[in-house]
Amino acid sequence: GRTYIASVKEENAGPTNNWIDPVE
């Protein structure tokens, strides 16, 4: 729940990952 894939675009992380905007 605290593990993130901070790809530039949210769609590139996909539904199996937690995404956060990398800049934020």
PDB file of all heavy atoms in Angstrom:
ATOM      1  N   GLY A   1       0.805  -1.221   0.000  1.00  0.00           N
ATOM      2  CA  GLY A   1       0.000   0.000   0.000  1.00  0.00           C
ATOM      3  C   GLY A   1       0.837   1.271   0.000  1.00  0.00           C
ATOM      4  O   GLY A   1       0.341   2.349  -0.327  1.00  0.00           O
ATOM      5  N   ARG A   2       2.115   1.157   0.357  1.00  0.00           N
ATOM      6  CA  ARG A   2       3.021   2.313   0.381  1.00  0.00           C
ATOM      7  C   ARG A   2       4.087   2.208  -0.708  1.00  0.00           C
ATOM      8  O   ARG A   2       5.107   2.888  -0.664  1.00  0.00           O
ATOM      9  CB  ARG A   2       3.707   2.435   1.760  1.00  0.00           C
ATOM     10  CG  ARG A   2       2.782   2.430   2.960  1.00  0.00           C
ATOM     11  CD  ARG A   2       1.888   3.630   3.042  1.00  0.00           C
ATOM     12  NE  ARG A   2       2.613   4.893   3.080  1.00  0.00           N
ATOM     13  CZ  ARG A   2       2.034   6.093   2.937  1.00  0.00           C
ATOM     14  NH1 ARG A   2       0.726   6.175   2.740  1.00  0.00           N
ATOM     15  NH2 ARG A   2       2.755   7.195   2.968  1.00  0.00           N
ATOM     16  N   THR A   3       3.856   1.322  -1.683  1.00  0.00           N
ATOM     17  CA  THR A   3       4.806   1.110  -2.780  1.00  0.00           C
ATOM     18  C   THR A   3       4.242   1.733  -4.048  1.00  0.00           C
ATOM     19  O   THR A   3       3.091   1.485  -4.401  1.00  0.00           O
ATOM     20  CB  THR A   3       5.043  -0.410  -2.988  1.00  0.00           C
ATOM     21  OG1 THR A   3       5.554  -0.967  -1.776  1.00  0.00           O
ATOM     22  CG2 THR A   3       6.034  -0.668  -4.107  1.00  0.00           C
ATOM     23  N   TYR A   4       5.036   2.551  -4.729  1.00  0.00           N
ATOM     24  CA  TYR A   4       4.524   3.353  -5.838  1.00  0.00           C
ATOM     25  C   TYR A   4       5.353   3.183  -7.113  1.00  0.00           C
ATOM     26  O   TYR A   4       6.573   3.037  -7.058  1.00  0.00           O
ATOM     27  CB  TYR A   4       4.525   4.847  -5.449  1.00  0.00           C
ATOM     28  CG  TYR A   4       3.694   5.112  -4.228  1.00  0.00           C
ATOM     29  CD1 TYR A   4       4.283   5.170  -2.961  1.00  0.00           C
ATOM     30  CD2 TYR A   4       2.303   5.252  -4.315  1.00  0.00           C
ATOM     31  CE1 TYR A   4       3.513   5.378  -1.821  1.00  0.00           C
ATOM     32  CE2 TYR A   4       1.535   5.462  -3.182  1.00  0.00           C
ATOM     33  CZ  TYR A   4       2.137   5.524  -1.935  1.00  0.00           C
ATOM     34  OH  TYR A   4       1.371   5.715  -0.819  1.00  0.00           O
ATOM     35  N   ILE A   5       4.641   3.195  -8.243  1.00  0.00           N
ATOM     36  CA  ILE A   5       5.285   3.336  -9.550  1.00  0.00           C
ATOM     37  C   ILE A   5       4.958   4.757 -10.017  1.00  0.00           C
ATOM     38  O   ILE A   5       3.827   5.057 -10.401  1.00  0.00           O
ATOM     39  CB  ILE A   5       4.757   2.295 -10.568  1.00  0.00           C
ATOM     40  CG1 ILE A   5       5.036   0.865 -10.080  1.00  0.00           C
ATOM     41  CG2 ILE A   5       5.371   2.550 -11.946  1.00  0.00           C
ATOM     42  CD1 ILE A   5       6.499   0.473  -9.994  1.00  0.00           C
ATOM     43  N   ALA A   6       5.962   5.636  -9.940  1.00  0.00           N
ATOM     44  CA  ALA A   6       5.740   7.047 -10.260  1.00  0.00           C
ATOM     45  C   ALA A   6       6.180   7.316 -11.703  1.00  0.00           C
ATOM     46  O   ALA A   6       7.148   8.036 -11.952  1.00  0.00           O
ATOM     47  CB  ALA A   6       6.496   7.931  -9.270  1.00  0.00           C
ATOM     48  N   SER A   7       5.452   6.685 -12.627  1.00  0.00           N
ATOM     49  CA  SER A   7       5.721   6.947 -14.046  1.00  0.00           C
ATOM     50  C   SER A   7       5.212   8.350 -14.394  1.00  0.00           C
ATOM     51  O   SER A   7       4.347   8.891 -13.701  1.00  0.00           O
ATOM     52  CB  SER A   7       5.050   5.894 -14.922  1.00  0.00           C
ATOM     53  OG  SER A   7       3.696   5.715 -14.541  1.00  0.00           O
ATOM     54  N   VAL A   8       5.762   8.936 -15.473  1.00  0.00           N
ATOM     55  CA  VAL A   8       5.378  10.301 -15.856  1.00  0.00           C
ATOM     56  C   VAL A   8       3.873  10.365 -16.124  1.00  0.00           C
ATOM     57  O   VAL A   8       3.183  11.278 -15.671  1.00  0.00           O
ATOM     58  CB  VAL A   8       6.182  10.770 -17.087  1.00  0.00           C
ATOM     59  CG1 VAL A   8       5.674  12.121 -17.579  1.00  0.00           C
ATOM     60  CG2 VAL A   8       7.672  10.868 -16.735  1.00  0.00           C
ATOM     61  N   LYS A   9       3.342   9.360 -16.860  1.00  0.00           N
ATOM     62  CA  LYS A   9       1.904   9.307 -17.126  1.00  0.00           C
ATOM     63  C   LYS A   9       1.262   8.210 -16.276  1.00  0.00           C
ATOM     64  O   LYS A   9       1.777   7.096 -16.199  1.00  0.00           O
ATOM     65  CB  LYS A   9       1.642   8.992 -18.604  1.00  0.00           C
ATOM     66  CG  LYS A   9       2.039  10.100 -19.563  1.00  0.00           C
ATOM     67  CD  LYS A   9       1.719   9.677 -20.985  1.00  0.00           C
ATOM     68  CE  LYS A   9       2.111  10.771 -21.963  1.00  0.00           C
ATOM     69  NZ  LYS A   9       2.058  10.281 -23.349  1.00  0.00           N
ATOM     70  N   GLU A  10       0.113   8.504 -15.681  1.00  0.00           N
ATOM     71  CA  GLU A  10      -0.578   7.538 -14.827  1.00  0.00           C
ATOM     72  C   GLU A  10      -0.918   6.260 -15.596  1.00  0.00           C
ATOM     73  O   GLU A  10      -0.817   5.156 -15.058  1.00  0.00           O
ATOM     74  CB  GLU A  10      -1.861   8.160 -14.261  1.00  0.00           C
ATOM     75  CG  GLU A  10      -2.588   7.232 -13.308  1.00  0.00           C
ATOM     76  CD  GLU A  10      -3.793   7.879 -12.631  1.00  0.00           C
ATOM     77  OE1 GLU A  10      -4.075   9.062 -12.903  1.00  0.00           O
ATOM     78  OE2 GLU A  10      -4.435   7.187 -11.829  1.00  0.00           O
ATOM     79  N   GLU A  11      -1.313   6.423 -16.895  1.00  0.00           N
ATOM     80  CA  GLU A  11      -1.736   5.248 -17.674  1.00  0.00           C
ATOM     81  C   GLU A  11      -0.597   4.239 -17.849  1.00  0.00           C
ATOM     82  O   GLU A  11      -0.833   3.057 -18.068  1.00  0.00           O
ATOM     83  CB  GLU A  11      -2.241   5.685 -19.055  1.00  0.00           C
ATOM     84  CG  GLU A  11      -1.153   6.236 -19.958  1.00  0.00           C
ATOM     85  CD  GLU A  11      -1.675   7.071 -21.122  1.00  0.00           C
ATOM     86  OE1 GLU A  11      -2.407   8.045 -20.882  1.00  0.00           O
ATOM     87  OE2 GLU A  11      -1.348   6.728 -22.260  1.00  0.00           O
ATOM     88  N   ASN A  12       0.670   4.705 -17.709  1.00  0.00           N
ATOM     89  CA  ASN A  12       1.801   3.790 -17.874  1.00  0.00           C
ATOM     90  C   ASN A  12       2.046   2.918 -16.641  1.00  0.00           C
ATOM     91  O   ASN A  12       2.780   1.934 -16.711  1.00  0.00           O
ATOM     92  CB  ASN A  12       3.081   4.557 -18.228  1.00  0.00           C
ATOM     93  CG  ASN A  12       2.993   5.159 -19.615  1.00  0.00           C
ATOM     94  OD1 ASN A  12       2.185   4.726 -20.428  1.00  0.00           O
ATOM     95  ND2 ASN A  12       3.803   6.169 -19.888  1.00  0.00           N
ATOM     96  N   ALA A  13       1.439   3.279 -15.507  1.00  0.00           N
ATOM     97  CA  ALA A  13       1.562   2.442 -14.303  1.00  0.00           C
ATOM     98  C   ALA A  13       0.559   1.291 -14.348  1.00  0.00           C
ATOM     99  O   ALA A  13       0.842   0.193 -13.892  1.00  0.00           O
ATOM    100  CB  ALA A  13       1.353   3.282 -13.048  1.00  0.00           C
ATOM    101  N   GLY A  14      -0.609   1.549 -14.905  1.00  0.00           N
ATOM    102  CA  GLY A  14      -1.605   0.485 -15.072  1.00  0.00           C
ATOM    103  C   GLY A  14      -2.353   0.143 -13.798  1.00  0.00           C
ATOM    104  O   GLY A  14      -2.042   0.645 -12.704  1.00  0.00           O
ATOM    105  N   PRO A  15      -3.339  -0.757 -13.910  1.00  0.00           N
ATOM    106  CA  PRO A  15      -4.249  -1.030 -12.794  1.00  0.00           C
ATOM    107  C   PRO A  15      -3.666  -1.891 -11.670  1.00  0.00           C
ATOM    108  O   PRO A  15      -4.268  -2.004 -10.618  1.00  0.00           O
ATOM    109  CB  PRO A  15      -5.412  -1.777 -13.469  1.00  0.00           C
ATOM    110  CG  PRO A  15      -4.810  -2.406 -14.682  1.00  0.00           C
ATOM    111  CD  PRO A  15      -3.727  -1.475 -15.138  1.00  0.00           C
ATOM    112  N   THR A  16      -2.476  -2.480 -11.874  1.00  0.00           N
ATOM    113  CA  THR A  16      -1.918  -3.332 -10.812  1.00  0.00           C
ATOM    114  C   THR A  16      -0.977  -2.556  -9.886  1.00  0.00           C
ATOM    115  O   THR A  16      -0.455  -3.121  -8.925  1.00  0.00           O
ATOM    116  CB  THR A  16      -1.145  -4.528 -11.420  1.00  0.00           C
ATOM    117  OG1 THR A  16      -0.110  -4.018 -12.280  1.00  0.00           O
ATOM    118  CG2 THR A  16      -2.071  -5.438 -12.218  1.00  0.00           C
ATOM    119  N   ASN A  17      -0.729  -1.266 -10.193  1.00  0.00           N
ATOM    120  CA  ASN A  17       0.223  -0.477  -9.395  1.00  0.00           C
ATOM    121  C   ASN A  17      -0.437   0.726  -8.737  1.00  0.00           C
ATOM    122  O   ASN A  17      -1.446   1.231  -9.224  1.00  0.00           O
ATOM    123  CB  ASN A  17       1.367   0.019 -10.299  1.00  0.00           C
ATOM    124  CG  ASN A  17       2.308  -1.090 -10.715  1.00  0.00           C
ATOM    125  OD1 ASN A  17       2.775  -1.849  -9.876  1.00  0.00           O
ATOM    126  ND2 ASN A  17       2.591  -1.204 -12.005  1.00  0.00           N
ATOM    127  N   ASN A  18       0.165   1.181  -7.628  1.00  0.00           N
ATOM    128  CA  ASN A  18      -0.209   2.475  -7.038  1.00  0.00           C
ATOM    129  C   ASN A  18       0.587   3.547  -7.771  1.00  0.00           C
ATOM    130  O   ASN A  18       1.812   3.442  -7.871  1.00  0.00           O
ATOM    131  CB  ASN A  18       0.174   2.534  -5.552  1.00  0.00           C
ATOM    132  CG  ASN A  18      -0.577   1.526  -4.727  1.00  0.00           C
ATOM    133  OD1 ASN A  18      -1.752   1.290  -4.960  1.00  0.00           O
ATOM    134  ND2 ASN A  18       0.094   0.905  -3.763  1.00  0.00           N
ATOM    135  N   TRP A  19      -0.105   4.566  -8.268  1.00  0.00           N
ATOM    136  CA  TRP A  19       0.576   5.636  -8.996  1.00  0.00           C
ATOM    137  C   TRP A  19       0.484   6.938  -8.227  1.00  0.00           C
ATOM    138  O   TRP A  19      -0.541   7.252  -7.618  1.00  0.00           O
ATOM    139  CB  TRP A  19      -0.055   5.821 -10.389  1.00  0.00           C
ATOM    140  CG  TRP A  19       0.588   6.926 -11.188  1.00  0.00           C
ATOM    141  CD1 TRP A  19       1.729   6.838 -11.941  1.00  0.00           C
ATOM    142  CD2 TRP A  19       0.146   8.284 -11.313  1.00  0.00           C
ATOM    143  NE1 TRP A  19       2.022   8.052 -12.526  1.00  0.00           N
ATOM    144  CE2 TRP A  19       1.063   8.966 -12.157  1.00  0.00           C
ATOM    145  CE3 TRP A  19      -0.940   8.998 -10.796  1.00  0.00           C
ATOM    146  CZ2 TRP A  19       0.935  10.314 -12.495  1.00  0.00           C
ATOM    147  CZ3 TRP A  19      -1.070  10.350 -11.122  1.00  0.00           C
ATOM    148  CH2 TRP A  19      -0.138  10.993 -11.964  1.00  0.00           C
ATOM    149  N   ILE A  20       1.579   7.691  -8.225  1.00  0.00           N
ATOM    150  CA  ILE A  20       1.568   9.082  -7.758  1.00  0.00           C
ATOM    151  C   ILE A  20       2.361   9.883  -8.785  1.00  0.00           C
ATOM    152  O   ILE A  20       3.356   9.385  -9.328  1.00  0.00           O
ATOM    153  CB  ILE A  20       2.252   9.250  -6.375  1.00  0.00           C
ATOM    154  CG1 ILE A  20       1.517   8.484  -5.275  1.00  0.00           C
ATOM    155  CG2 ILE A  20       2.299  10.717  -5.976  1.00  0.00           C
ATOM    156  CD1 ILE A  20       2.076   8.744  -3.870  1.00  0.00           C
ATOM    157  N   ASP A  21       1.948  11.104  -9.016  1.00  0.00           N
ATOM    158  CA  ASP A  21       2.682  11.979  -9.922  1.00  0.00           C
ATOM    159  C   ASP A  21       4.125  12.111  -9.414  1.00  0.00           C
ATOM    160  O   ASP A  21       4.350  12.446  -8.243  1.00  0.00           O
ATOM    161  CB  ASP A  21       2.010  13.357  -9.950  1.00  0.00           C
ATOM    162  CG  ASP A  21       2.810  14.340 -10.773  1.00  0.00           C
ATOM    163  OD1 ASP A  21       2.750  14.256 -12.017  1.00  0.00           O
ATOM    164  OD2 ASP A  21       3.534  15.160 -10.174  1.00  0.00           O
ATOM    165  N   PRO A  22       5.137  11.834 -10.278  1.00  0.00           N
ATOM    166  CA  PRO A  22       6.523  11.839  -9.808  1.00  0.00           C
ATOM    167  C   PRO A  22       6.990  13.178  -9.256  1.00  0.00           C
ATOM    168  O   PRO A  22       7.769  13.218  -8.296  1.00  0.00           O
ATOM    169  CB  PRO A  22       7.339  11.435 -11.048  1.00  0.00           C
ATOM    170  CG  PRO A  22       6.419  11.566 -12.224  1.00  0.00           C
ATOM    171  CD  PRO A  22       5.027  11.419 -11.698  1.00  0.00           C
ATOM    172  N   VAL A  23       6.510  14.281  -9.832  1.00  0.00           N
ATOM    173  CA  VAL A  23       6.914  15.607  -9.330  1.00  0.00           C
ATOM    174  C   VAL A  23       6.388  15.820  -7.913  1.00  0.00           C
ATOM    175  O   VAL A  23       7.113  16.235  -7.004  1.00  0.00           O
ATOM    176  CB  VAL A  23       6.413  16.725 -10.287  1.00  0.00           C
ATOM    177  CG1 VAL A  23       6.767  18.100  -9.721  1.00  0.00           C
ATOM    178  CG2 VAL A  23       7.004  16.537 -11.685  1.00  0.00           C
ATOM    179  N   GLU A  24       5.115  15.462  -7.717  1.00  0.00           N
ATOM    180  CA  GLU A  24       4.482  15.604  -6.397  1.00  0.00           C
ATOM    181  C   GLU A  24       5.163  14.681  -5.371  1.00  0.00           C
ATOM    182  O   GLU A  24       5.451  15.080  -4.232  1.00  0.00           O
ATOM    183  CB  GLU A  24       2.992  15.238  -6.532  1.00  0.00           C
ATOM    184  CG  GLU A  24       2.185  15.375  -5.258  1.00  0.00           C
ATOM    185  CD  GLU A  24       0.805  14.707  -5.383  1.00  0.00           C
ATOM    186  OE1 GLU A  24       0.253  14.670  -6.491  1.00  0.00           O
ATOM    187  OE2 GLU A  24       0.312  14.220  -4.353  1.00  0.00           O
TER     188      GLU A  24
END
